[in-house]
Amino acid sequence: EGAVRHAKAHVRGLFEHLTVAAGTVEISAESFSEVVSQGDLISFRADRPHSYRVIEGPVRLVSVHEYPQRANA
């Protein structure tokens, strides 16, 4: 509890989709801060610095990164 992980910005246009499998975590970025718990799903733009702070642990997350489509694809 109280552990924090700071993540750098990912590639431009990337969205991160997180499902909380266990525990409670606060997800924060410049424009938002949200507390999510087991069973919750959160999606956000991860092309900006963001962080994860454990509120109640242990925390287990399933993370899916949605990369932007290339302009010439």
N, C-alpha and C. Protein backbone atom coordinates (compact mmCIF):
# COMPACT_ATOMS: atom_id res chain seq x y z
N GLU A 1 0.84 -1.19 0.00
CA GLU A 1 0.00 0.00 0.00
C GLU A 1 0.87 1.23 0.00
N GLY A 2 0.45 2.23 -0.78
CA GLY A 2 1.23 3.45 -0.90
C GLY A 2 2.28 3.41 -1.99
N ALA A 3 2.56 2.23 -2.54
CA ALA A 3 3.54 2.13 -3.62
C ALA A 3 3.07 2.94 -4.82
N VAL A 4 4.01 3.61 -5.48
CA VAL A 4 3.69 4.44 -6.64
C VAL A 4 4.58 4.03 -7.81
N ARG A 5 3.99 3.95 -8.97
CA ARG A 5 4.75 3.71 -10.20
C ARG A 5 4.46 4.86 -11.15
N HIS A 6 5.51 5.53 -11.58
CA HIS A 6 5.39 6.63 -12.53
C HIS A 6 5.71 6.09 -13.92
N ALA A 7 4.84 6.37 -14.86
CA ALA A 7 5.04 5.92 -16.24
C ALA A 7 5.25 7.13 -17.14
N LYS A 8 6.24 7.03 -18.01
CA LYS A 8 6.48 8.08 -18.99
C LYS A 8 5.39 8.02 -20.05
N ALA A 9 5.28 9.09 -20.81
CA ALA A 9 4.32 9.13 -21.91
C ALA A 9 4.67 8.06 -22.93
N HIS A 10 3.64 7.36 -23.43
CA HIS A 10 3.82 6.39 -24.50
C HIS A 10 3.72 7.13 -25.84
N VAL A 11 3.73 6.40 -26.93
CA VAL A 11 3.66 7.03 -28.25
C VAL A 11 2.39 7.86 -28.40
N ARG A 12 2.48 8.88 -29.23
CA ARG A 12 1.35 9.80 -29.43
C ARG A 12 0.11 9.03 -29.90
N GLY A 13 -1.02 9.30 -29.25
CA GLY A 13 -2.28 8.68 -29.63
C GLY A 13 -2.58 7.35 -28.97
N LEU A 14 -1.68 6.86 -28.11
CA LEU A 14 -1.89 5.56 -27.46
C LEU A 14 -2.94 5.67 -26.35
N PHE A 15 -3.86 4.72 -26.33
CA PHE A 15 -4.82 4.61 -25.23
C PHE A 15 -4.47 3.38 -24.41
N GLU A 16 -4.63 3.50 -23.10
CA GLU A 16 -4.38 2.37 -22.20
C GLU A 16 -5.73 1.97 -21.60
N HIS A 17 -6.01 0.68 -21.60
CA HIS A 17 -7.23 0.12 -21.03
C HIS A 17 -6.80 -0.80 -19.90
N LEU A 18 -7.22 -0.50 -18.67
CA LEU A 18 -6.83 -1.29 -17.50
C LEU A 18 -8.06 -1.89 -16.84
N THR A 19 -7.97 -3.17 -16.54
CA THR A 19 -8.96 -3.84 -15.71
C THR A 19 -8.28 -4.22 -14.41
N VAL A 20 -8.93 -3.93 -13.30
CA VAL A 20 -8.36 -4.24 -11.99
C VAL A 20 -8.81 -5.65 -11.59
N ALA A 21 -7.85 -6.55 -11.46
CA ALA A 21 -8.15 -7.93 -11.08
C ALA A 21 -8.18 -8.09 -9.57
N ALA A 22 -7.42 -7.25 -8.85
CA ALA A 22 -7.39 -7.32 -7.38
C ALA A 22 -6.90 -5.99 -6.83
N GLY A 23 -7.43 -5.61 -5.67
CA GLY A 23 -6.96 -4.40 -4.99
C GLY A 23 -7.64 -3.13 -5.46
N THR A 24 -7.10 -2.02 -4.98
CA THR A 24 -7.59 -0.69 -5.33
C THR A 24 -6.40 0.18 -5.64
N VAL A 25 -6.50 0.93 -6.75
CA VAL A 25 -5.38 1.74 -7.22
C VAL A 25 -5.90 3.09 -7.71
N GLU A 26 -5.10 4.12 -7.51
CA GLU A 26 -5.42 5.45 -8.04
C GLU A 26 -4.59 5.64 -9.31
N ILE A 27 -5.27 5.93 -10.42
CA ILE A 27 -4.61 6.21 -11.69
C ILE A 27 -4.69 7.73 -11.88
N SER A 28 -3.53 8.34 -12.13
CA SER A 28 -3.50 9.80 -12.27
C SER A 28 -2.69 10.21 -13.48
N ALA A 29 -3.12 11.31 -14.08
CA ALA A 29 -2.39 11.98 -15.15
C ALA A 29 -2.63 13.47 -14.95
N GLU A 30 -2.09 14.25 -15.84
CA GLU A 30 -2.23 15.70 -15.72
C GLU A 30 -3.69 16.14 -15.67
N SER A 31 -4.56 15.47 -16.43
CA SER A 31 -5.94 15.92 -16.57
C SER A 31 -6.96 15.16 -15.73
N PHE A 32 -6.54 14.12 -14.99
CA PHE A 32 -7.52 13.35 -14.21
C PHE A 32 -6.84 12.58 -13.09
N SER A 33 -7.65 12.14 -12.15
CA SER A 33 -7.24 11.22 -11.09
C SER A 33 -8.46 10.38 -10.74
N GLU A 34 -8.31 9.06 -10.82
CA GLU A 34 -9.45 8.17 -10.62
C GLU A 34 -9.03 6.98 -9.76
N VAL A 35 -9.88 6.63 -8.79
CA VAL A 35 -9.64 5.45 -7.95
C VAL A 35 -10.49 4.32 -8.51
N VAL A 36 -9.83 3.19 -8.80
CA VAL A 36 -10.53 2.03 -9.36
C VAL A 36 -10.22 0.79 -8.53
N SER A 37 -11.19 -0.11 -8.46
CA SER A 37 -11.08 -1.30 -7.62
C SER A 37 -11.37 -2.55 -8.44
N GLN A 38 -11.26 -3.70 -7.79
CA GLN A 38 -11.47 -4.98 -8.44
C GLN A 38 -12.74 -4.98 -9.28
N GLY A 39 -12.59 -5.39 -10.54
CA GLY A 39 -13.72 -5.46 -11.46
C GLY A 39 -13.92 -4.20 -12.29
N ASP A 40 -13.25 -3.11 -11.93
CA ASP A 40 -13.41 -1.86 -12.67
C ASP A 40 -12.53 -1.85 -13.92
N LEU A 41 -12.95 -1.07 -14.90
CA LEU A 41 -12.20 -0.84 -16.13
C LEU A 41 -12.03 0.65 -16.29
N ILE A 42 -10.84 1.08 -16.67
CA ILE A 42 -10.59 2.48 -16.96
C ILE A 42 -9.81 2.55 -18.26
N SER A 43 -10.15 3.52 -19.09
CA SER A 43 -9.43 3.77 -20.35
C SER A 43 -9.02 5.22 -20.36
N PHE A 44 -7.79 5.48 -20.80
CA PHE A 44 -7.30 6.86 -20.81
C PHE A 44 -6.18 7.00 -21.83
N ARG A 45 -5.96 8.25 -22.23
CA ARG A 45 -4.83 8.55 -23.12
C ARG A 45 -3.56 8.40 -22.32
N ALA A 46 -2.69 7.53 -22.79
CA ALA A 46 -1.44 7.26 -22.07
C ALA A 46 -0.24 7.86 -22.81
N ASP A 47 -0.52 8.85 -23.67
CA ASP A 47 0.57 9.52 -24.37
C ASP A 47 1.04 10.75 -23.59
N ARG A 48 0.74 10.72 -22.31
CA ARG A 48 1.18 11.75 -21.36
C ARG A 48 1.68 11.01 -20.12
N PRO A 49 2.56 11.62 -19.35
CA PRO A 49 3.00 10.95 -18.11
C PRO A 49 1.79 10.61 -17.24
N HIS A 50 1.85 9.45 -16.59
CA HIS A 50 0.76 9.02 -15.72
C HIS A 50 1.35 8.17 -14.60
N SER A 51 0.52 7.92 -13.57
CA SER A 51 1.04 7.16 -12.43
C SER A 51 -0.05 6.27 -11.86
N TYR A 52 0.43 5.28 -11.09
CA TYR A 52 -0.41 4.31 -10.42
C TYR A 52 0.00 4.33 -8.94
N ARG A 53 -0.96 4.53 -8.05
CA ARG A 53 -0.66 4.52 -6.61
C ARG A 53 -1.58 3.50 -5.94
N VAL A 54 -0.97 2.55 -5.25
CA VAL A 54 -1.74 1.50 -4.58
C VAL A 54 -2.46 2.09 -3.37
N ILE A 55 -3.77 1.93 -3.34
CA ILE A 55 -4.59 2.36 -2.21
C ILE A 55 -4.76 1.19 -1.25
N GLU A 56 -5.11 0.03 -1.81
CA GLU A 56 -5.27 -1.20 -1.03
C GLU A 56 -4.73 -2.34 -1.87
N GLY A 57 -3.80 -3.07 -1.32
CA GLY A 57 -3.13 -4.09 -2.13
C GLY A 57 -3.17 -5.45 -1.51
N PRO A 58 -2.57 -6.40 -2.20
CA PRO A 58 -1.83 -6.18 -3.45
C PRO A 58 -2.76 -5.88 -4.62
N VAL A 59 -2.20 -5.18 -5.61
CA VAL A 59 -2.97 -4.80 -6.80
C VAL A 59 -2.49 -5.64 -7.97
N ARG A 60 -3.46 -6.13 -8.74
CA ARG A 60 -3.16 -6.84 -9.98
C ARG A 60 -3.97 -6.17 -11.09
N LEU A 61 -3.28 -5.80 -12.15
CA LEU A 61 -3.92 -5.11 -13.28
C LEU A 61 -3.71 -5.89 -14.56
N VAL A 62 -4.69 -5.82 -15.44
CA VAL A 62 -4.53 -6.31 -16.80
C VAL A 62 -4.55 -5.06 -17.68
N SER A 63 -3.47 -4.85 -18.41
CA SER A 63 -3.31 -3.64 -19.22
C SER A 63 -3.26 -3.98 -20.70
N VAL A 64 -4.06 -3.27 -21.48
CA VAL A 64 -4.05 -3.42 -22.93
C VAL A 64 -3.73 -2.05 -23.51
N HIS A 65 -2.71 -2.00 -24.37
CA HIS A 65 -2.33 -0.75 -25.03
C HIS A 65 -2.91 -0.76 -26.44
N GLU A 66 -3.64 0.29 -26.74
CA GLU A 66 -4.25 0.46 -28.07
C GLU A 66 -3.42 1.50 -28.83
N TYR A 67 -2.63 1.01 -29.76
CA TYR A 67 -1.74 1.89 -30.53
C TYR A 67 -2.53 2.56 -31.65
N PRO A 68 -2.16 3.80 -31.97
CA PRO A 68 -2.85 4.51 -33.06
C PRO A 68 -2.53 3.86 -34.39
N GLN A 69 -3.45 3.99 -35.32
CA GLN A 69 -3.23 3.47 -36.67
C GLN A 69 -2.26 4.41 -37.37
N ARG A 70 -1.29 3.86 -38.05
CA ARG A 70 -0.34 4.68 -38.79
C ARG A 70 -1.05 5.38 -39.92
N ALA A 71 -0.66 6.62 -40.19
CA ALA A 71 -1.30 7.43 -41.23
C ALA A 71 -1.17 6.81 -42.61
N ASN A 72 -0.07 6.10 -42.88
CA ASN A 72 0.14 5.53 -44.21
C ASN A 72 -0.20 4.04 -44.27
N ALA A 73 -0.92 3.54 -43.28
CA ALA A 73 -1.25 2.11 -43.26
C ALA A 73 -2.48 1.83 -44.08
